Amino acid sequence: MRIKHVRMIIKSDGSCTVDAINFTDATCTQATQQILSALGGPIAEDRFKPEAQRLPRQANNRKEATR
């Protein structure tokens, strides 16, 4: 199993790159958005991976009837 994680590279000029690794759906944007908002600077470029377009799977909330 591959572990989901976020890789952040900060260069000596102060610019940084934030990359979500091993995410299979749009939850990657939630993980990176928290980091980007904490950094507080302007975003120079956004590049979305294909998996960012996939909606997360919903949990089955149906309950079975009991007698």
N, C-alpha and C. Protein backbone atom coordinates (compact mmCIF):
# COMPACT_ATOMS: atom_id res chain seq x y z
N MET A 1 0.84 -1.18 0.00
CA MET A 1 0.00 0.00 0.00
C MET A 1 0.89 1.24 0.00
N ARG A 2 0.54 2.18 -0.81
CA ARG A 2 1.31 3.42 -0.91
C ARG A 2 0.71 4.46 0.02
N ILE A 3 1.56 5.11 0.76
CA ILE A 3 1.13 6.09 1.75
C ILE A 3 0.93 7.44 1.09
N LYS A 4 -0.23 8.05 1.36
CA LYS A 4 -0.50 9.40 0.87
C LYS A 4 0.35 10.38 1.67
N HIS A 5 0.97 11.31 0.97
CA HIS A 5 1.74 12.33 1.65
C HIS A 5 1.88 13.56 0.76
N VAL A 6 2.34 14.64 1.36
CA VAL A 6 2.54 15.89 0.63
C VAL A 6 4.02 16.23 0.68
N ARG A 7 4.59 16.49 -0.49
CA ARG A 7 6.00 16.86 -0.58
C ARG A 7 6.07 18.37 -0.82
N MET A 8 6.89 19.03 -0.02
CA MET A 8 7.05 20.47 -0.14
C MET A 8 8.53 20.77 -0.33
N ILE A 9 8.85 21.48 -1.40
CA ILE A 9 10.23 21.84 -1.69
C ILE A 9 10.34 23.37 -1.60
N ILE A 10 11.21 23.83 -0.73
CA ILE A 10 11.44 25.27 -0.58
C ILE A 10 12.82 25.58 -1.14
N LYS A 11 12.87 26.47 -2.12
CA LYS A 11 14.13 26.83 -2.76
C LYS A 11 14.79 27.98 -2.01
N SER A 12 16.06 28.20 -2.30
CA SER A 12 16.81 29.26 -1.60
C SER A 12 16.28 30.65 -1.90
N ASP A 13 15.56 30.83 -3.01
CA ASP A 13 14.98 32.15 -3.33
C ASP A 13 13.64 32.37 -2.63
N GLY A 14 13.18 31.39 -1.83
CA GLY A 14 11.94 31.52 -1.08
C GLY A 14 10.73 30.94 -1.78
N SER A 15 10.85 30.60 -3.05
CA SER A 15 9.72 29.98 -3.75
C SER A 15 9.59 28.53 -3.30
N CYS A 16 8.40 27.98 -3.42
CA CYS A 16 8.21 26.60 -2.99
C CYS A 16 7.25 25.87 -3.91
N THR A 17 7.34 24.57 -3.87
CA THR A 17 6.47 23.68 -4.63
C THR A 17 5.81 22.73 -3.65
N VAL A 18 4.50 22.56 -3.80
CA VAL A 18 3.74 21.64 -2.95
C VAL A 18 3.13 20.59 -3.86
N ASP A 19 3.36 19.31 -3.57
CA ASP A 19 2.91 18.23 -4.43
C ASP A 19 2.28 17.12 -3.59
N ALA A 20 1.06 16.73 -3.95
CA ALA A 20 0.37 15.63 -3.27
C ALA A 20 0.77 14.33 -3.96
N ILE A 21 1.23 13.36 -3.18
CA ILE A 21 1.75 12.10 -3.70
C ILE A 21 0.83 10.95 -3.27
N ASN A 22 0.52 10.06 -4.20
CA ASN A 22 -0.27 8.83 -3.97
C ASN A 22 -1.73 9.07 -3.62
N PHE A 23 -2.27 10.23 -3.95
CA PHE A 23 -3.70 10.46 -3.78
C PHE A 23 -4.39 9.97 -5.04
N THR A 24 -5.57 9.38 -4.91
CA THR A 24 -6.28 8.83 -6.07
C THR A 24 -7.51 9.64 -6.46
N ASP A 25 -7.79 10.71 -5.72
CA ASP A 25 -8.98 11.51 -6.02
C ASP A 25 -8.74 12.96 -5.58
N ALA A 26 -9.81 13.75 -5.58
CA ALA A 26 -9.71 15.18 -5.33
C ALA A 26 -9.36 15.54 -3.88
N THR A 27 -9.23 14.58 -2.99
CA THR A 27 -8.81 14.90 -1.63
C THR A 27 -7.40 15.48 -1.59
N CYS A 28 -6.67 15.30 -2.68
CA CYS A 28 -5.32 15.88 -2.76
C CYS A 28 -5.37 17.40 -2.67
N THR A 29 -6.42 18.01 -3.22
CA THR A 29 -6.52 19.47 -3.16
C THR A 29 -6.78 19.96 -1.74
N GLN A 30 -7.50 19.18 -0.94
CA GLN A 30 -7.72 19.56 0.46
C GLN A 30 -6.42 19.54 1.23
N ALA A 31 -5.61 18.54 0.99
CA ALA A 31 -4.34 18.40 1.70
C ALA A 31 -3.38 19.55 1.34
N THR A 32 -3.29 19.87 0.07
CA THR A 32 -2.37 20.93 -0.34
C THR A 32 -2.90 22.32 -0.02
N GLN A 33 -4.21 22.49 -0.06
CA GLN A 33 -4.80 23.81 0.20
C GLN A 33 -4.51 24.28 1.62
N GLN A 34 -4.50 23.38 2.57
CA GLN A 34 -4.21 23.76 3.95
C GLN A 34 -2.79 24.29 4.08
N ILE A 35 -1.86 23.66 3.39
CA ILE A 35 -0.47 24.11 3.43
C ILE A 35 -0.32 25.45 2.71
N LEU A 36 -0.96 25.58 1.54
CA LEU A 36 -0.85 26.83 0.78
C LEU A 36 -1.43 28.01 1.54
N SER A 37 -2.53 27.82 2.23
CA SER A 37 -3.12 28.92 2.99
C SER A 37 -2.25 29.28 4.19
N ALA A 38 -1.57 28.30 4.78
CA ALA A 38 -0.67 28.58 5.90
C ALA A 38 0.55 29.36 5.44
N LEU A 39 1.01 29.10 4.23
CA LEU A 39 2.16 29.84 3.70
C LEU A 39 1.82 31.31 3.47
N GLY A 40 0.59 31.58 3.04
CA GLY A 40 0.09 32.94 2.95
C GLY A 40 0.57 33.77 1.78
N GLY A 41 1.45 33.28 0.97
CA GLY A 41 1.94 34.06 -0.17
C GLY A 41 1.08 33.86 -1.40
N PRO A 42 1.38 34.61 -2.46
CA PRO A 42 0.61 34.43 -3.70
C PRO A 42 0.98 33.11 -4.39
N ILE A 43 0.01 32.55 -5.09
CA ILE A 43 0.24 31.32 -5.85
C ILE A 43 0.59 31.73 -7.27
N ALA A 44 1.79 31.37 -7.70
CA ALA A 44 2.26 31.74 -9.03
C ALA A 44 1.67 30.84 -10.12
N GLU A 45 1.47 29.56 -9.79
CA GLU A 45 0.99 28.62 -10.79
C GLU A 45 0.32 27.44 -10.10
N ASP A 46 -0.81 27.01 -10.66
CA ASP A 46 -1.51 25.82 -10.19
C ASP A 46 -1.51 24.80 -11.32
N ARG A 47 -1.07 23.60 -11.02
CA ARG A 47 -1.15 22.50 -11.99
C ARG A 47 -1.86 21.35 -11.31
N PHE A 48 -2.99 20.95 -11.88
CA PHE A 48 -3.76 19.86 -11.29
C PHE A 48 -3.45 18.55 -12.02
N LYS A 49 -3.24 17.51 -11.25
CA LYS A 49 -3.04 16.18 -11.81
C LYS A 49 -4.40 15.62 -12.22
N PRO A 50 -4.42 14.63 -13.10
CA PRO A 50 -5.71 14.05 -13.53
C PRO A 50 -6.56 13.53 -12.37
N GLU A 51 -5.92 12.98 -11.34
CA GLU A 51 -6.70 12.45 -10.22
C GLU A 51 -7.42 13.54 -9.43
N ALA A 52 -7.00 14.79 -9.57
CA ALA A 52 -7.67 15.89 -8.86
C ALA A 52 -9.08 16.12 -9.41
N GLN A 53 -9.38 15.57 -10.57
CA GLN A 53 -10.71 15.72 -11.16
C GLN A 53 -11.69 14.66 -10.67
N ARG A 54 -11.18 13.61 -10.04
CA ARG A 54 -12.04 12.52 -9.56
C ARG A 54 -12.63 12.86 -8.21
N LEU A 55 -13.92 12.66 -8.09
CA LEU A 55 -14.59 12.90 -6.81
C LEU A 55 -14.24 11.78 -5.84
N PRO A 56 -14.11 12.11 -4.55
CA PRO A 56 -13.84 11.06 -3.56
C PRO A 56 -15.02 10.10 -3.45
N ARG A 57 -14.72 8.84 -3.15
CA ARG A 57 -15.80 7.87 -2.96
C ARG A 57 -16.59 8.21 -1.72
N GLN A 58 -17.88 8.06 -1.81
CA GLN A 58 -18.77 8.34 -0.67
C GLN A 58 -18.95 7.07 0.14
N ALA A 59 -19.02 7.24 1.44
CA ALA A 59 -19.29 6.09 2.32
C ALA A 59 -20.74 5.66 2.13
N ASN A 60 -20.98 4.40 2.27
CA ASN A 60 -22.33 3.88 2.13
C ASN A 60 -23.09 4.19 3.41
N ASN A 61 -24.00 5.15 3.35
CA ASN A 61 -24.75 5.60 4.53
C ASN A 61 -26.10 4.89 4.67
N ARG A 62 -26.39 3.95 3.78
CA ARG A 62 -27.65 3.23 3.87
C ARG A 62 -27.64 2.30 5.06
N LYS A 63 -28.70 2.31 5.82
CA LYS A 63 -28.79 1.43 6.98
C LYS A 63 -29.72 0.28 6.66
N GLU A 64 -29.37 -0.87 7.15
CA GLU A 64 -30.20 -2.06 6.93
C GLU A 64 -31.38 -2.01 7.90
N ALA A 65 -32.52 -2.46 7.40
CA ALA A 65 -33.72 -2.53 8.25
C ALA A 65 -33.60 -3.76 9.16
N THR A 66 -33.98 -3.57 10.42
CA THR A 66 -33.96 -4.69 11.37
C THR A 66 -35.39 -5.02 11.75
N ARG A 67 -35.59 -6.28 12.06
CA ARG A 67 -36.96 -6.72 12.44
C ARG A 67 -37.00 -7.12 13.86
